[in-house]
């Protein structure tokens, strides 16, 4: 059971880590009393702001995850520093008075980190919206401070918010963001090659993600995935032929619904699962402290899942279906046949193994299950796809976290992006990262 102040829900079984993670219950003196409205508001601002950064400048999914981890880690430290010490800090080892403004602390920590990320993002692609994003952040921060009293308690909240942001930004200095690409072209069978429409290779906008210093893990390859199947194996032939049939752009054996679902999941996991978190925080009346803790563990786990997953991608350098299917004569497997005209429904500009989307979704949902169970209290939740034209409703409803995870494994095959075992490996990696983070961070004091 995962408890919070007199409320309990059944959670996913992940050994003893839930006991280590813990929360305060009715027998524990409550943290500073405030609702989660400002935590929710700045989480929404953060996702909207960071999603608007151009992909090469830090807006691509793995970099987006890293940036969100920085924001939510700072917000957690700011809230956690107010009042009696109940949970271990992430970075900030200081305390302030119990009457300090939590709302001011949340807004200040989030604003400082977001402003720094947007203003210092290297312009590897044109970034005409930078000034507008910074202006919008200034306005949002002014609104947050205008909503609280101009007194010593607000000033205490502002001070601790600045301190939490400074601790995060200092810790991430020289962490490997925007470093060199680790990819070295290898034309041998089994290795990835980028698509080159018009003769220009489509390369990963943030290939450096796998070499970034993790937030929670000991190393960027701590949970190295098992290797892809051998090209001469029956498993390889089975998975090759499955995606060959289902994942092609035209002439596929997919149904219309499967095509829609494949396109619908082309949405950043950071956007999807933070949207779900905001819904469930509001529905279950989590306070600011528990909400900040949830969003920190969720987004720092997501960041490390992205880091470890991208490290895997360039370590294995495994070929995508659009590499493998036209070159099937080179794989040494008599059960695979080439199709020189085969193209995927959806493409991606980096190696295949393991599935990045599945890594991220599994990390986020593992944390959400810890807090809310697989079947969240109060019923279903909604996810909004940001894909321009998924071919159906943008907003879909799910009843459990198991449902979207099971669907996502199939969706990446229907898209022509992944082989089945790469999707399974991605989810295993994401779960392991989140479980490790919960076992080692954000624990109650004394555990």
Protein backbone atom coordinates (compact mmCIF):
# COMPACT_ATOMS: atom_id res chain seq x y z
CA UNK A 1 0.00 0.00 0.00
CA UNK A 2 1.16 3.56 -0.71
CA UNK A 3 -0.08 5.93 1.98
CA UNK A 4 -0.47 9.67 2.09
CA UNK A 5 -2.16 11.45 4.98
CA UNK A 6 -5.01 9.07 5.65
CA UNK A 7 -5.45 8.03 2.00
CA UNK A 8 -4.27 4.68 0.68
CA UNK A 9 -4.34 3.00 -2.71
CA UNK A 10 -3.04 -0.31 -3.95
CA UNK A 11 0.16 0.08 -5.93
CA UNK A 12 2.23 -1.99 -8.28
CA UNK A 13 4.40 -4.57 -6.53
CA UNK A 14 8.04 -3.56 -6.79
CA UNK A 15 9.57 -5.39 -3.87
CA UNK A 16 10.51 -3.45 -0.79
CA UNK A 17 11.05 -0.14 -2.55
CA UNK A 18 7.59 1.14 -1.71
CA UNK A 19 8.37 0.76 1.95
CA UNK A 20 11.56 2.68 1.38
CA UNK A 21 9.79 5.33 -0.65
CA UNK A 22 7.08 5.82 1.99
CA UNK A 23 4.95 8.87 2.58
CA UNK A 24 3.64 10.66 5.59
CA UNK A 25 0.32 9.32 6.87
CA UNK A 26 -2.23 10.53 9.37
CA UNK A 27 0.11 9.80 12.31
CA UNK A 28 2.81 12.11 10.95
CA UNK A 29 2.68 15.87 11.53
CA UNK A 30 1.62 17.37 8.18
CA UNK A 31 4.01 19.28 5.97
CA UNK A 32 3.40 22.96 5.38
CA UNK A 33 -0.27 23.23 4.49
CA UNK A 34 -0.91 24.38 0.94
CA UNK A 35 -2.72 22.94 -2.01
CA UNK A 36 -0.97 21.86 -5.19
CA UNK A 37 -2.40 24.51 -7.51
CA UNK A 38 0.93 26.29 -8.00
CA UNK A 39 2.80 23.00 -8.44
CA UNK A 40 0.30 22.02 -11.14
CA UNK A 41 0.44 25.44 -12.77
CA UNK A 42 4.22 25.51 -13.08
CA UNK A 43 4.33 21.91 -14.28
CA UNK A 44 1.98 22.97 -17.10
CA UNK A 45 4.10 26.04 -17.82
CA UNK A 46 7.25 23.92 -17.88
CA UNK A 47 5.91 21.35 -20.33
CA UNK A 48 4.48 24.01 -22.64
CA UNK A 49 7.68 26.08 -22.56
CA UNK A 50 10.14 23.25 -23.06
CA UNK A 51 8.06 21.64 -25.80
CA UNK A 52 8.41 24.88 -27.78
CA UNK A 53 12.22 24.70 -27.86
CA UNK A 54 13.47 23.56 -31.31
CA UNK A 55 14.58 19.93 -31.33
CA UNK A 56 18.34 20.51 -31.90
CA UNK A 57 18.34 23.22 -29.22
CA UNK A 58 17.03 20.86 -26.53
CA UNK A 59 13.41 20.22 -27.48
CA UNK A 60 13.76 16.66 -28.81
CA UNK A 61 12.21 14.00 -26.52
CA UNK A 62 15.33 12.85 -24.62
CA UNK A 63 16.55 16.42 -24.04
CA UNK A 64 13.01 17.50 -23.15
CA UNK A 65 13.00 14.78 -20.48
CA UNK A 66 16.33 15.95 -19.08
CA UNK A 67 15.12 19.56 -18.92
CA UNK A 68 11.88 18.56 -17.17
CA UNK A 69 13.88 16.59 -14.63
CA UNK A 70 15.86 19.71 -13.82
CA UNK A 71 12.73 21.79 -13.31
CA UNK A 72 10.85 19.30 -11.16
CA UNK A 73 13.90 18.37 -9.10
CA UNK A 74 14.36 22.04 -8.19
CA UNK A 75 10.67 22.47 -7.36
CA UNK A 76 10.81 19.44 -5.06
CA UNK A 77 13.85 20.76 -3.20
CA UNK A 78 12.23 24.19 -2.77
CA UNK A 79 9.03 22.76 -1.27
CA UNK A 80 10.85 20.14 0.77
CA UNK A 81 13.07 22.80 2.40
CA UNK A 82 10.09 24.50 4.07
CA UNK A 83 9.14 23.50 7.59
CA UNK A 84 10.03 20.28 9.45
CA UNK A 85 12.27 17.96 7.49
CA UNK A 86 10.23 14.93 6.41
CA UNK A 87 11.88 13.76 3.19
CA UNK A 88 15.46 13.64 2.07
CA UNK A 89 16.36 16.52 -0.22
CA UNK A 90 17.54 15.86 -3.73
CA UNK A 91 20.28 18.53 -3.75
CA UNK A 92 19.36 21.40 -1.41
CA UNK A 93 20.60 20.91 2.14
CA UNK A 94 19.01 23.91 3.84
CA UNK A 95 15.77 24.68 5.70
CA UNK A 96 13.53 27.67 6.04
CA UNK A 97 10.61 28.54 8.33
CA UNK A 98 7.41 26.53 8.29
CA UNK A 99 5.37 29.62 7.34
CA UNK A 100 7.42 30.43 4.24
CA UNK A 101 5.29 30.71 1.11
CA UNK A 102 5.27 27.39 -0.71
CA UNK A 103 3.67 29.00 -3.75
CA UNK A 104 6.46 31.58 -3.99
CA UNK A 105 9.08 28.85 -3.60
CA UNK A 106 7.52 26.70 -6.34
CA UNK A 107 7.19 29.58 -8.80
CA UNK A 108 10.70 30.88 -8.15
CA UNK A 109 12.44 27.51 -8.49
CA UNK A 110 10.58 26.64 -11.69
CA UNK A 111 10.99 30.11 -13.18
CA UNK A 112 14.72 30.27 -12.52
CA UNK A 113 15.46 26.89 -14.07
CA UNK A 114 13.17 27.41 -17.07
CA UNK A 115 14.58 30.88 -17.76
CA UNK A 116 18.11 29.53 -17.64
CA UNK A 117 17.31 26.59 -19.93
CA UNK A 118 15.56 28.75 -22.52
CA UNK A 119 18.04 31.63 -22.46
CA UNK A 120 21.18 29.44 -22.66
CA UNK A 121 19.99 26.81 -25.17
CA UNK A 122 22.58 26.78 -27.98
CA UNK A 123 21.03 27.84 -31.26
CA UNK A 124 21.87 24.79 -33.34
CA UNK A 125 18.63 25.47 -35.19
CA UNK A 126 16.86 28.82 -35.55
CA UNK A 127 15.03 29.73 -32.35
CA UNK A 128 12.85 32.71 -33.25
CA UNK A 129 10.49 32.06 -30.36
CA UNK A 130 13.11 32.39 -27.62
CA UNK A 131 12.28 35.99 -26.69
CA UNK A 132 8.57 35.22 -26.61
CA UNK A 133 9.07 32.25 -24.29
CA UNK A 134 11.20 34.30 -21.92
CA UNK A 135 8.63 37.09 -21.90
CA UNK A 136 5.84 34.60 -21.16
CA UNK A 137 7.86 33.18 -18.27
CA UNK A 138 8.41 36.67 -16.86
CA UNK A 139 4.68 37.34 -17.00
CA UNK A 140 3.77 34.01 -15.40
CA UNK A 141 6.24 34.56 -12.58
CA UNK A 142 4.95 38.07 -11.94
CA UNK A 143 1.40 36.67 -11.76
CA UNK A 144 2.49 34.06 -9.23
CA UNK A 145 4.12 36.63 -6.95
CA UNK A 146 1.20 39.04 -7.33
CA UNK A 147 -1.10 36.31 -6.02
CA UNK A 148 0.69 36.03 -2.65
CA UNK A 149 1.16 38.60 0.09
CA UNK A 150 4.22 40.81 -0.11
CA UNK A 151 5.57 39.89 3.31
CA UNK A 152 8.49 38.16 4.97
CA UNK A 153 6.99 34.70 4.41
CA UNK A 154 6.77 35.27 0.67
CA UNK A 155 10.34 36.56 0.68
CA UNK A 156 11.45 33.40 2.50
CA UNK A 157 9.77 31.32 -0.19
CA UNK A 158 11.48 33.30 -2.93
CA UNK A 159 14.87 32.89 -1.28
CA UNK A 160 14.53 29.12 -0.93
CA UNK A 161 13.22 28.86 -4.49
CA UNK A 162 16.30 30.66 -5.79
CA UNK A 163 18.52 28.39 -3.70
CA UNK A 164 16.88 25.22 -5.03
CA UNK A 165 17.25 26.41 -8.63
CA UNK A 166 20.87 27.41 -8.06
CA UNK A 167 21.64 23.99 -6.58
CA UNK A 168 20.18 22.26 -9.62
CA UNK A 169 21.85 24.52 -12.18
CA UNK A 170 25.22 24.24 -10.42
CA UNK A 171 24.94 20.44 -10.27
CA UNK A 172 24.22 20.22 -14.01
CA UNK A 173 27.10 22.41 -15.06
CA UNK A 174 29.32 20.39 -17.41
CA UNK A 175 26.98 17.37 -17.31
CA UNK A 176 27.45 16.47 -20.98
CA UNK A 177 24.44 18.22 -22.45
CA UNK A 178 25.07 19.36 -26.05
CA UNK A 179 28.26 17.31 -26.27
CA UNK A 180 29.57 15.54 -29.38
CA UNK A 181 27.65 12.83 -31.17
CA UNK A 182 28.77 9.29 -30.26
CA UNK A 183 27.62 7.83 -33.58
CA UNK A 184 30.14 6.33 -35.99
CA UNK A 185 28.77 5.08 -39.29
CA UNK A 186 29.12 1.32 -39.81
CA UNK A 187 27.84 -0.09 -43.13
CA UNK A 188 27.87 -3.71 -41.93
CA UNK A 189 24.57 -5.65 -41.67
CA UNK A 190 22.80 -5.06 -38.37
CA UNK A 191 23.94 -1.46 -38.00
CA UNK A 192 21.78 1.63 -38.31
CA UNK A 193 22.04 4.08 -41.16
CA UNK A 194 20.02 7.29 -41.33
CA UNK A 195 17.45 7.90 -44.01
CA UNK A 196 18.59 10.51 -46.49
CA UNK A 197 15.64 12.17 -48.23
CA UNK A 198 16.98 14.45 -50.93
CA UNK A 199 20.47 13.15 -50.19
CA UNK A 200 20.62 14.78 -46.73
CA UNK A 201 20.96 12.28 -43.85
CA UNK A 202 18.30 12.68 -41.16
CA UNK A 203 20.40 12.65 -37.97
CA UNK A 204 19.44 12.66 -34.31
CA UNK A 205 19.00 16.28 -33.13
CA UNK A 206 20.24 15.38 -29.63
CA UNK A 207 22.58 12.36 -29.95
CA UNK A 208 24.48 13.51 -26.87
CA UNK A 209 21.65 12.50 -24.51
CA UNK A 210 23.14 9.07 -23.77
CA UNK A 211 26.37 10.61 -22.49
CA UNK A 212 24.74 13.02 -20.02
CA UNK A 213 25.47 12.49 -16.32
CA UNK A 214 22.36 10.84 -14.83
CA UNK A 215 20.29 12.37 -12.03
CA UNK A 216 19.56 9.21 -10.02
CA UNK A 217 21.56 6.38 -11.58
CA UNK A 218 25.24 5.66 -10.95
CA UNK A 219 26.07 5.69 -14.66
CA UNK A 220 24.42 6.32 -18.01
CA UNK A 221 24.60 2.60 -18.84
CA UNK A 222 23.66 1.21 -15.43
CA UNK A 223 20.71 -0.75 -16.80
CA UNK A 224 22.16 -1.90 -20.09
CA UNK A 225 19.51 -3.76 -22.09
CA UNK A 226 20.00 -7.30 -23.31
CA UNK A 227 21.33 -7.25 -26.89
CA UNK A 228 19.09 -7.52 -29.95
CA UNK A 229 18.37 -11.02 -31.31
CA UNK A 230 21.05 -12.62 -33.45
CA UNK A 231 20.40 -12.03 -37.15
CA UNK A 232 20.54 -15.77 -37.86
CA UNK A 233 17.96 -16.63 -35.17
CA UNK A 234 14.31 -17.61 -35.51
CA UNK A 235 13.40 -14.75 -33.14
CA UNK A 236 14.94 -12.26 -35.54
CA UNK A 237 13.05 -13.75 -38.49
CA UNK A 238 9.75 -13.70 -36.60
CA UNK A 239 10.09 -10.09 -35.50
CA UNK A 240 11.44 -8.98 -38.89
CA UNK A 241 8.47 -10.49 -40.70
CA UNK A 242 5.98 -9.06 -38.20
CA UNK A 243 7.08 -5.47 -38.72
CA UNK A 244 7.56 -6.05 -42.44
CA UNK A 245 3.88 -6.98 -42.72
CA UNK A 246 2.37 -4.49 -40.27
CA UNK A 247 4.67 -1.48 -40.34
CA UNK A 248 4.93 -0.56 -43.99
CA UNK A 249 3.65 2.83 -45.14
CA UNK A 250 1.44 1.41 -47.92
CA UNK A 251 0.01 -2.05 -48.50
CA UNK A 252 0.20 -2.93 -44.81
CA UNK A 253 -1.88 -5.56 -43.07
CA UNK A 254 -2.72 -2.96 -40.39
CA UNK A 255 -6.32 -2.03 -39.77
CA UNK A 256 -7.46 1.59 -39.94
CA UNK A 257 -7.66 1.67 -36.14
CA UNK A 258 -4.11 0.36 -35.84
CA UNK A 259 -2.86 3.05 -38.22
CA UNK A 260 -4.61 5.71 -36.15
CA UNK A 261 -3.15 4.37 -32.88
CA UNK A 262 0.35 4.17 -34.37
CA UNK A 263 0.13 7.84 -35.36
CA UNK A 264 -1.59 8.87 -32.13
CA UNK A 265 1.37 7.70 -30.03
CA UNK A 266 3.73 10.04 -31.93
CA UNK A 267 3.53 12.42 -29.00
CA UNK A 268 6.20 13.25 -26.45
CA UNK A 269 5.87 11.02 -23.35
CA UNK A 270 6.82 13.97 -21.15
CA UNK A 271 3.71 15.81 -22.30
CA UNK A 272 1.45 12.77 -22.00
CA UNK A 273 2.36 11.63 -18.50
CA UNK A 274 2.72 15.04 -16.91
CA UNK A 275 -0.78 15.74 -18.21
CA UNK A 276 -1.98 12.57 -16.47
CA UNK A 277 -0.17 13.53 -13.27
CA UNK A 278 -1.88 16.89 -13.16
CA UNK A 279 -5.28 15.22 -13.55
CA UNK A 280 -4.62 12.72 -10.76
CA UNK A 281 -3.07 15.27 -8.41
CA UNK A 282 -6.18 17.41 -8.70
CA UNK A 283 -8.56 14.44 -8.41
CA UNK A 284 -6.95 13.01 -5.27
CA UNK A 285 -6.22 16.37 -3.60
CA UNK A 286 -2.51 15.75 -3.21
CA UNK A 287 -0.94 18.69 -1.43
CA UNK A 288 2.04 20.67 -2.68
CA UNK A 289 4.61 18.51 -0.89
CA UNK A 290 3.35 15.16 -2.20
CA UNK A 291 2.74 16.61 -5.66
CA UNK A 292 6.24 18.04 -5.90
CA UNK A 293 7.65 14.71 -4.77
CA UNK A 294 5.60 12.76 -7.33
CA UNK A 295 6.61 15.04 -10.19
CA UNK A 296 10.28 15.01 -9.19
CA UNK A 297 10.52 11.23 -8.99
CA UNK A 298 8.51 10.86 -12.19
CA UNK A 299 10.49 13.35 -14.26
CA UNK A 300 13.93 12.52 -12.90
CA UNK A 301 13.19 8.84 -13.60
CA UNK A 302 12.05 9.82 -17.08
CA UNK A 303 15.25 11.81 -17.60
CA UNK A 304 17.46 8.92 -16.54
CA UNK A 305 15.43 6.47 -18.63
CA UNK A 306 16.09 8.71 -21.63
CA UNK A 307 19.80 8.92 -20.80
CA UNK A 308 20.23 5.16 -20.32
CA UNK A 309 18.06 4.39 -23.37
CA UNK A 310 19.99 6.73 -25.67
CA UNK A 311 23.22 5.24 -24.34
CA UNK A 312 21.84 1.82 -25.35
CA UNK A 313 20.85 3.08 -28.79
CA UNK A 314 24.35 4.18 -29.72
CA UNK A 315 25.97 1.23 -27.93
CA UNK A 316 24.04 -1.35 -29.98
CA UNK A 317 23.66 0.82 -33.13
CA UNK A 318 20.98 -1.63 -34.29
CA UNK A 319 19.33 -1.16 -37.64
CA UNK A 320 15.77 0.03 -38.10
CA UNK A 321 13.27 -1.96 -40.17
CA UNK A 322 13.83 0.34 -43.14
CA UNK A 323 17.52 -0.61 -43.01
CA UNK A 324 16.97 -4.31 -42.47
CA UNK A 325 14.09 -5.14 -44.82
CA UNK A 326 15.65 -3.97 -48.10
CA UNK A 327 18.95 -5.63 -47.07
CA UNK A 328 17.56 -8.95 -45.86
CA UNK A 329 19.85 -10.92 -48.15
CA UNK A 330 22.74 -9.68 -46.00
CA UNK A 331 21.44 -10.94 -42.63
CA UNK A 332 22.31 -14.60 -43.25
CA UNK A 333 18.82 -15.75 -42.30
CA UNK A 334 16.90 -17.88 -44.86
CA UNK A 335 13.58 -16.97 -43.23
CA UNK A 336 13.85 -13.26 -44.16
CA UNK A 337 13.29 -11.92 -47.66
CA UNK A 338 14.15 -8.44 -48.91
CA UNK A 339 11.69 -5.85 -50.15
CA UNK A 340 13.54 -3.04 -51.86
CA UNK A 341 10.45 -0.84 -51.97
CA UNK A 342 9.58 -1.15 -48.27
CA UNK A 343 9.13 2.10 -46.33
CA UNK A 344 7.91 2.65 -42.77
CA UNK A 345 4.72 4.44 -41.77
CA UNK A 346 6.76 6.59 -39.35
CA UNK A 347 10.52 7.12 -39.11
CA UNK A 348 12.98 8.27 -36.43
CA UNK A 349 16.52 9.67 -36.81
CA UNK A 350 18.49 7.43 -34.43
CA UNK A 351 19.28 3.74 -33.90
CA UNK A 352 16.58 1.25 -32.97
CA UNK A 353 17.52 -0.65 -29.79
CA UNK A 354 15.84 -0.10 -27.40
CA UNK A 355 12.56 1.76 -27.95
CA UNK A 356 12.91 5.26 -26.55
CA UNK A 357 9.17 5.87 -26.30
CA UNK A 358 8.70 2.66 -24.32
CA UNK A 359 11.64 3.50 -22.03
CA UNK A 360 10.08 6.83 -21.15
CA UNK A 361 6.47 5.68 -20.85
CA UNK A 362 7.43 2.81 -18.56
CA UNK A 363 9.49 5.07 -16.28
CA UNK A 364 6.67 7.60 -15.91
CA UNK A 365 3.93 5.03 -15.39
CA UNK A 366 5.96 3.02 -12.87
CA UNK A 367 6.08 6.09 -10.64
CA UNK A 368 2.42 6.89 -11.23
CA UNK A 369 1.50 3.35 -10.18
CA UNK A 370 3.46 3.81 -6.96
CA UNK A 371 1.32 6.79 -6.06
CA UNK A 372 -2.08 5.87 -7.51
CA UNK A 373 -2.12 2.13 -8.26
CA UNK A 374 -2.59 0.63 -11.72
CA UNK A 375 -6.30 1.52 -11.64
CA UNK A 376 -6.33 5.13 -10.39
CA UNK A 377 -8.83 6.17 -7.77
CA UNK A 378 -11.81 7.93 -9.31
CA UNK A 379 -11.72 6.14 -12.65
CA UNK A 380 -10.11 6.82 -16.00
CA UNK A 381 -7.58 9.39 -17.19
CA UNK A 382 -7.09 11.17 -20.50
CA UNK A 383 -4.06 11.66 -22.74
CA UNK A 384 -3.92 14.24 -25.52
CA UNK A 385 -1.83 13.41 -28.58
CA UNK A 386 0.11 16.30 -30.07
CA UNK A 387 0.50 14.53 -33.43
CA UNK A 388 -0.90 16.91 -36.04
CA UNK A 389 -3.30 14.45 -37.67
CA UNK A 390 -3.62 11.09 -35.94
CA UNK A 391 -6.68 10.21 -38.05
CA UNK A 392 -9.05 10.19 -35.10
CA UNK A 393 -9.68 11.93 -31.76
CA UNK A 394 -6.63 13.62 -30.25
CA UNK A 395 -7.86 12.91 -26.71
CA UNK A 396 -8.21 9.29 -25.64
CA UNK A 397 -9.28 7.76 -22.32
CA UNK A 398 -7.61 4.89 -20.46
CA UNK A 399 -8.76 3.02 -17.36
CA UNK A 400 -5.41 1.59 -16.18
CA UNK A 401 -1.71 2.18 -16.78
CA UNK A 402 -1.37 -1.38 -18.07
CA UNK A 403 -3.63 -0.56 -21.01
CA UNK A 404 -1.52 2.15 -22.72
CA UNK A 405 1.72 0.27 -22.07
CA UNK A 406 0.40 -2.86 -23.76
CA UNK A 407 -0.92 -0.83 -26.66
CA UNK A 408 2.33 1.07 -27.10
CA UNK A 409 4.31 -2.12 -27.73
CA UNK A 410 2.00 -2.88 -30.65
CA UNK A 411 1.83 0.73 -31.84
CA UNK A 412 5.57 1.00 -32.48
CA UNK A 413 5.42 -2.16 -34.59
CA UNK A 414 2.39 -0.85 -36.51
CA UNK A 415 4.38 2.35 -37.12
CA UNK A 416 7.27 0.42 -38.67
CA UNK A 417 9.63 1.87 -36.07
CA UNK A 418 10.58 -1.11 -33.89
CA UNK A 419 10.78 -4.85 -33.53
CA UNK A 420 8.72 -6.33 -30.72
CA UNK A 421 11.61 -7.21 -28.40
CA UNK A 422 12.98 -3.66 -28.62
CA UNK A 423 9.67 -2.38 -27.27
CA UNK A 424 9.69 -4.96 -24.47
CA UNK A 425 13.32 -4.13 -23.64
CA UNK A 426 12.49 -0.43 -23.51
CA UNK A 427 9.73 -0.94 -20.97
CA UNK A 428 11.94 -3.17 -18.84
CA UNK A 429 14.63 -0.47 -18.80
CA UNK A 430 12.16 2.26 -17.83
CA UNK A 431 10.74 0.20 -14.97
CA UNK A 432 14.19 -0.58 -13.61
CA UNK A 433 15.23 3.07 -13.66
CA UNK A 434 12.11 4.21 -11.81
CA UNK A 435 12.37 1.43 -9.24
CA UNK A 436 16.00 2.32 -8.56
CA UNK A 437 15.15 6.01 -8.18
CA UNK A 438 12.34 5.27 -5.74
CA UNK A 439 14.56 3.00 -3.67
CA UNK A 440 17.37 5.53 -3.34
CA UNK A 441 15.84 9.02 -3.45
CA UNK A 442 13.00 11.09 -1.96
CA UNK A 443 12.68 8.77 1.03
CA UNK A 444 11.28 9.75 4.43
CA UNK A 445 13.90 11.03 6.85
CA UNK A 446 15.19 8.19 8.99
CA UNK A 447 14.56 5.47 6.39
